[in-house]
Amino acid sequence: MKLTILTINYNNKEGLVKTFDSVRSQTWKDFEFIVIDGGSTDGGKELIEQNDQVNYWVSEKDSGVYNAMNKGIRMSTGDYIIFMNSGDFFYNESVLEKVKNQFDSDIGILYGDSVFFNDTGYRKVIKVPEKLTFGFFYDGGLNHQAAFIKRSLFSDYFYYNEDYKICADWEFFILTICLHNVSFQYLNEIICYYDFSGISAKVENLPIYIQERETTLNKYFPAFRDDAELTREMRAKRIKQVLHIKNYPVAWRIFKWLISLFLLFLPKIKKKSAEK
């Protein structure tokens, strides 16, 4: 089996209908479909029972979304796994048809772009870079709804951190790619619609989100933090404008001359004293 589609659900029957319809509409169907339900009481369990496209499902209490995701990973048999949780759905019916040939590769993580939307009407295509760097993950991350992950990576490295509530998938990506040099490839396709009305998007969960990311960064990348902050500044709009000016030699010489002139009237930059 080339692909496993994994859906995690808990009391989101309306979202589950959208996900089921999207999976059913795919023109390429050589995949297994697994649904892990947390013991829904809103009719979601019955909806799963009635879906003959689901190859395996379970409805039982779990300790959180990442516990459910790990449970699904251990049940899967596909070479690659994509998580399309309830409320999320494929961009169109030909997404899998377009990327199916990539499932024969040895690339660790295949990924594409997403359409972010929520229940207030927000909708925006979020593109990700072809080259993934620590600087990218420091500020952002990949959507697991838009990523096809080699199943063997979980057994070779680690499963999702069940102590986390929000950022275990981000932690998985930054550690496998930036620490373990797992291969990746950008697919240049919009893969999914991602409903970010969930737990990670709620304002009251922002402190948890920040704390989990900080915990991972401080544990695995303490020496990179200063450089990452500099990278963040370099991506600021004004820095991009300066770099644009540098493409034009005459304008760049004038710009440097003006900067030198301004610096004549400012205190000199103090150098940081070396730590003893």
Protein backbone atom coordinates (compact mmCIF):
# COMPACT_ATOMS: atom_id res chain seq x y z
CA MET A 1 0.00 0.00 0.00
CA LYS A 2 1.44 3.37 -1.07
CA LEU A 3 -0.59 5.73 1.12
CA THR A 4 -2.56 5.84 4.34
CA ILE A 5 -5.02 8.67 4.95
CA LEU A 6 -5.50 9.13 8.69
CA THR A 7 -8.40 11.10 10.14
CA ILE A 8 -8.65 12.03 13.80
CA ASN A 9 -12.08 13.03 15.07
CA TYR A 10 -13.87 13.91 18.27
CA ASN A 11 -17.41 15.31 18.32
CA ASN A 12 -17.02 17.08 14.97
CA LYS A 13 -19.59 15.31 12.83
CA GLU A 14 -20.09 18.31 10.54
CA GLY A 15 -16.37 18.51 9.82
CA LEU A 16 -16.15 14.75 9.42
CA VAL A 17 -18.74 14.87 6.63
CA LYS A 18 -16.53 17.35 4.71
CA THR A 19 -13.46 15.17 5.17
CA PHE A 20 -15.29 11.99 4.13
CA ASP A 21 -16.71 13.66 1.01
CA SER A 22 -13.25 14.88 0.04
CA VAL A 23 -11.62 11.46 0.47
CA ARG A 24 -14.44 9.76 -1.42
CA SER A 25 -14.11 12.18 -4.35
CA GLN A 26 -10.43 11.46 -5.01
CA THR A 27 -9.87 10.10 -8.51
CA TRP A 28 -6.86 8.06 -7.36
CA LYS A 29 -8.00 5.54 -4.79
CA ASP A 30 -5.07 3.23 -4.10
CA PHE A 31 -4.92 4.12 -0.41
CA GLU A 32 -6.13 2.84 2.93
CA PHE A 33 -8.35 5.04 5.05
CA ILE A 34 -8.13 4.91 8.85
CA VAL A 35 -10.28 6.90 11.27
CA ILE A 36 -9.44 7.29 14.96
CA ASP A 37 -12.38 8.65 16.91
CA GLY A 38 -12.13 9.74 20.54
CA GLY A 39 -15.49 8.35 21.57
CA SER A 40 -17.78 10.88 19.89
CA THR A 41 -21.34 11.33 21.13
CA ASP A 42 -22.60 13.67 18.39
CA GLY A 43 -23.34 11.00 15.78
CA GLY A 44 -19.78 10.91 14.42
CA LYS A 45 -19.28 7.30 15.44
CA GLU A 46 -22.39 6.23 13.53
CA LEU A 47 -21.21 8.21 10.50
CA ILE A 48 -17.92 6.30 10.55
CA GLU A 49 -19.74 2.98 10.83
CA GLN A 50 -21.75 3.77 7.70
CA ASN A 51 -18.72 4.72 5.58
CA ASP A 52 -17.67 1.62 3.64
CA GLN A 53 -14.53 3.39 2.38
CA VAL A 54 -13.01 3.32 5.87
CA ASN A 55 -10.66 0.32 6.11
CA TYR A 56 -10.16 0.48 9.84
CA TRP A 57 -11.61 2.60 12.62
CA VAL A 58 -11.87 2.73 16.37
CA SER A 59 -13.98 4.87 18.68
CA GLU A 60 -12.60 5.05 22.19
CA LYS A 61 -11.34 7.56 24.69
CA ASP A 62 -7.78 8.78 24.18
CA SER A 63 -5.46 11.12 26.05
CA GLY A 64 -5.34 13.76 23.32
CA VAL A 65 -4.96 14.36 19.61
CA TYR A 66 -1.34 13.16 19.45
CA ASN A 67 -2.20 9.98 21.31
CA ALA A 68 -4.87 9.38 18.67
CA MET A 69 -2.46 10.18 15.84
CA ASN A 70 0.15 7.77 17.20
CA LYS A 71 -2.53 5.12 17.52
CA GLY A 72 -3.39 5.58 13.84
CA ILE A 73 0.25 5.48 12.76
CA ARG A 74 0.73 2.11 14.46
CA MET A 75 -2.32 0.73 12.65
CA SER A 76 -1.30 2.02 9.21
CA THR A 77 0.40 0.03 6.46
CA GLY A 78 0.99 2.70 3.79
CA ASP A 79 4.47 3.76 2.74
CA TYR A 80 3.37 7.34 3.33
CA ILE A 81 0.88 8.85 5.77
CA ILE A 82 -1.14 12.04 5.47
CA PHE A 83 -3.26 13.34 8.34
CA MET A 84 -6.55 14.80 7.14
CA ASN A 85 -8.38 15.40 10.39
CA SER A 86 -12.09 16.07 10.65
CA GLY A 87 -12.93 19.46 9.16
CA ASP A 88 -9.89 19.45 6.86
CA PHE A 89 -10.14 18.25 3.28
CA PHE A 90 -8.20 17.88 0.02
CA TYR A 91 -7.96 20.91 -2.25
CA ASN A 92 -9.71 19.13 -5.09
CA GLU A 93 -10.53 15.64 -6.33
CA SER A 94 -7.26 15.25 -8.29
CA VAL A 95 -4.73 16.07 -5.56
CA LEU A 96 -3.65 12.46 -5.01
CA GLU A 97 -3.69 11.77 -8.74
CA LYS A 98 -1.19 14.57 -9.27
CA VAL A 99 1.28 13.46 -6.59
CA LYS A 100 0.88 9.67 -6.67
CA ASN A 101 4.14 9.05 -8.55
CA GLN A 102 6.08 10.63 -5.69
CA PHE A 103 4.97 7.79 -3.41
CA ASP A 104 7.53 5.56 -5.16
CA SER A 105 10.38 7.75 -3.95
CA ASP A 106 12.62 7.46 -0.90
CA ILE A 107 12.02 11.07 0.12
CA GLY A 108 11.22 11.30 3.82
CA ILE A 109 8.70 14.16 3.73
CA LEU A 110 6.74 15.35 0.71
CA TYR A 111 4.85 18.59 1.26
CA GLY A 112 2.83 21.26 -0.48
CA ASP A 113 0.76 24.37 0.15
CA SER A 114 -2.47 24.86 2.08
CA VAL A 115 -5.58 27.02 2.01
CA PHE A 116 -6.18 28.30 5.54
CA PHE A 117 -9.82 28.99 6.41
CA ASN A 118 -12.00 29.37 9.47
CA ASP A 119 -15.63 29.75 10.45
CA THR A 120 -15.48 33.56 10.26
CA GLY A 121 -14.92 33.56 6.50
CA TYR A 122 -11.12 33.90 6.44
CA ARG A 123 -9.48 32.16 3.51
CA LYS A 124 -5.89 32.45 2.27
CA VAL A 125 -3.41 30.33 0.34
CA ILE A 126 -0.30 29.80 2.47
CA LYS A 127 2.74 28.86 0.44
CA VAL A 128 5.78 27.16 1.91
CA PRO A 129 9.38 27.37 0.66
CA GLU A 130 11.09 24.81 -1.54
CA LYS A 131 14.01 24.74 0.88
CA LEU A 132 13.20 24.13 4.53
CA THR A 133 15.56 25.71 7.06
CA PHE A 134 15.82 26.15 10.80
CA GLY A 135 14.91 29.81 10.28
CA PHE A 136 11.67 28.79 8.59
CA PHE A 137 10.68 26.47 11.43
CA TYR A 138 11.70 29.02 14.04
CA ASP A 139 8.85 31.28 12.94
CA GLY A 140 6.53 28.89 11.15
CA GLY A 141 6.07 25.28 10.15
CA LEU A 142 4.47 22.72 7.88
CA ASN A 143 0.85 21.63 8.00
CA HIS A 144 0.58 17.89 8.50
CA GLN A 145 -2.58 18.14 6.37
CA ALA A 146 -0.32 19.14 3.47
CA ALA A 147 2.50 16.68 4.15
CA PHE A 148 2.99 13.07 3.14
CA ILE A 149 5.29 11.54 5.75
CA LYS A 150 7.24 8.33 5.22
CA ARG A 151 5.72 5.97 7.79
CA SER A 152 9.12 4.46 8.64
CA LEU A 153 10.28 7.82 10.04
CA PHE A 154 8.13 7.33 13.11
CA SER A 155 9.68 3.99 13.98
CA ASP A 156 13.17 5.08 12.93
CA TYR A 157 13.13 8.28 15.00
CA PHE A 158 10.13 8.90 17.26
CA TYR A 159 6.36 9.17 17.37
CA TYR A 160 4.52 12.36 18.26
CA ASN A 161 5.23 13.78 21.71
CA GLU A 162 2.06 13.02 23.66
CA ASP A 163 3.04 15.45 26.41
CA TYR A 164 2.29 18.28 23.96
CA LYS A 165 -1.20 19.55 23.18
CA ILE A 166 -0.50 21.70 20.12
CA CYS A 167 3.06 21.56 18.75
CA ALA A 168 4.06 17.89 18.55
CA ASP A 169 3.72 17.82 14.76
CA TRP A 170 5.84 20.99 14.48
CA GLU A 171 8.41 19.36 16.80
CA PHE A 172 8.45 16.24 14.62
CA PHE A 173 9.17 18.27 11.48
CA ILE A 174 11.87 20.52 12.94
CA LEU A 175 13.71 17.63 14.61
CA THR A 176 13.59 15.19 11.71
CA ILE A 177 14.56 17.79 9.11
CA CYS A 178 16.92 20.11 11.03
CA LEU A 179 18.44 17.65 13.50
CA HIS A 180 18.34 14.32 11.66
CA ASN A 181 18.65 15.64 8.07
CA VAL A 182 15.63 13.71 6.81
CA SER A 183 15.11 14.35 3.09
CA PHE A 184 12.22 16.50 1.91
CA GLN A 185 10.68 17.66 -1.37
CA TYR A 186 8.30 20.48 -2.20
CA LEU A 187 5.44 19.32 -4.44
CA ASN A 188 4.38 22.75 -5.78
CA GLU A 189 0.71 21.84 -5.38
CA ILE A 190 -2.02 23.03 -3.06
CA ILE A 191 -2.79 19.92 -1.05
CA CYS A 192 -5.53 20.84 1.40
CA TYR A 193 -8.00 23.18 2.98
CA TYR A 194 -6.93 23.54 6.60
CA ASP A 195 -9.58 24.56 9.12
CA PHE A 196 -7.68 26.55 11.74
CA SER A 197 -10.69 27.09 13.98
CA GLY A 198 -9.35 24.34 16.23
CA ILE A 199 -7.34 24.21 19.43
CA SER A 200 -4.09 25.61 18.01
CA ALA A 201 -5.82 28.77 16.73
CA LYS A 202 -7.65 29.72 19.92
CA VAL A 203 -6.21 32.81 21.63
CA GLU A 204 -6.46 31.23 25.07
CA ASN A 205 -4.13 28.43 23.91
CA LEU A 206 -1.39 30.80 22.73
CA PRO A 207 0.63 30.47 25.98
CA ILE A 208 0.64 26.66 25.55
CA TYR A 209 1.68 27.03 21.91
CA ILE A 210 4.58 29.34 22.84
CA GLN A 211 5.69 27.22 25.79
CA GLU A 212 5.80 23.98 23.81
CA ARG A 213 7.84 25.54 21.03
CA GLU A 214 10.21 27.16 23.53
CA THR A 215 10.66 23.83 25.31
CA THR A 216 11.72 22.11 22.08
CA LEU A 217 13.99 24.95 20.94
CA ASN A 218 15.73 25.20 24.29
CA LYS A 219 16.18 21.45 24.57
CA TYR A 220 17.51 20.69 21.08
CA PHE A 221 18.71 24.01 19.58
CA PRO A 222 19.97 26.27 22.40
CA ALA A 223 23.01 27.43 20.43
CA PHE A 224 20.91 28.49 17.43
CA ARG A 225 18.57 30.94 19.18
CA ASP A 226 20.57 34.15 18.62
CA ASP A 227 21.12 33.35 14.95
CA ALA A 228 17.43 32.57 14.57
CA GLU A 229 16.49 35.96 15.98
CA LEU A 230 18.82 37.60 13.46
CA THR A 231 17.18 35.57 10.68
CA ARG A 232 13.80 36.83 11.81
CA GLU A 233 15.01 40.43 11.59
CA MET A 234 16.51 39.80 8.16
CA ARG A 235 13.10 38.81 6.90
CA ALA A 236 11.63 42.13 7.96
CA LYS A 237 10.21 44.28 5.17
CA ARG A 238 12.81 47.03 5.43
CA ILE A 239 15.69 44.57 5.17
CA LYS A 240 14.13 43.12 2.03
CA GLN A 241 13.94 46.63 0.60
CA VAL A 242 17.63 47.19 1.33
CA LEU A 243 18.54 43.92 -0.37
CA HIS A 244 16.47 45.00 -3.36
CA ILE A 245 18.45 48.25 -3.62
CA LYS A 246 21.67 46.22 -3.60
CA ASN A 247 20.70 44.78 -7.00
CA TYR A 248 21.30 48.22 -8.55
CA PRO A 249 24.98 49.29 -8.26
CA VAL A 250 24.49 53.06 -8.61
CA ALA A 251 21.56 53.17 -6.21
CA TRP A 252 23.50 50.94 -3.80
CA ARG A 253 26.53 53.29 -3.78
CA ILE A 254 24.29 56.27 -3.08
CA PHE A 255 22.49 54.34 -0.34
CA LYS A 256 25.78 53.39 1.34
CA TRP A 257 26.98 56.99 1.12
CA LEU A 258 23.81 58.22 2.82
CA ILE A 259 24.13 55.61 5.57
CA SER A 260 27.75 56.64 6.17
CA LEU A 261 26.64 60.27 6.37
CA PHE A 262 23.97 59.48 8.96
CA LEU A 263 26.43 57.44 11.02
CA LEU A 264 28.74 60.42 11.33
CA PHE A 265 26.15 62.09 13.56
CA LEU A 266 25.34 59.02 15.68
CA PRO A 267 27.20 57.41 18.61
CA LYS A 268 29.43 54.55 17.59
CA ILE A 269 28.04 51.04 17.91
CA LYS A 270 29.34 49.43 21.07
CA LYS A 271 30.89 46.01 20.60
CA LYS A 272 29.74 43.25 22.89
CA SER A 273 32.42 42.32 25.37
CA ALA A 274 33.61 38.73 25.03
CA GLU A 275 32.44 36.38 27.77
CA LYS A 276 35.20 35.10 30.00
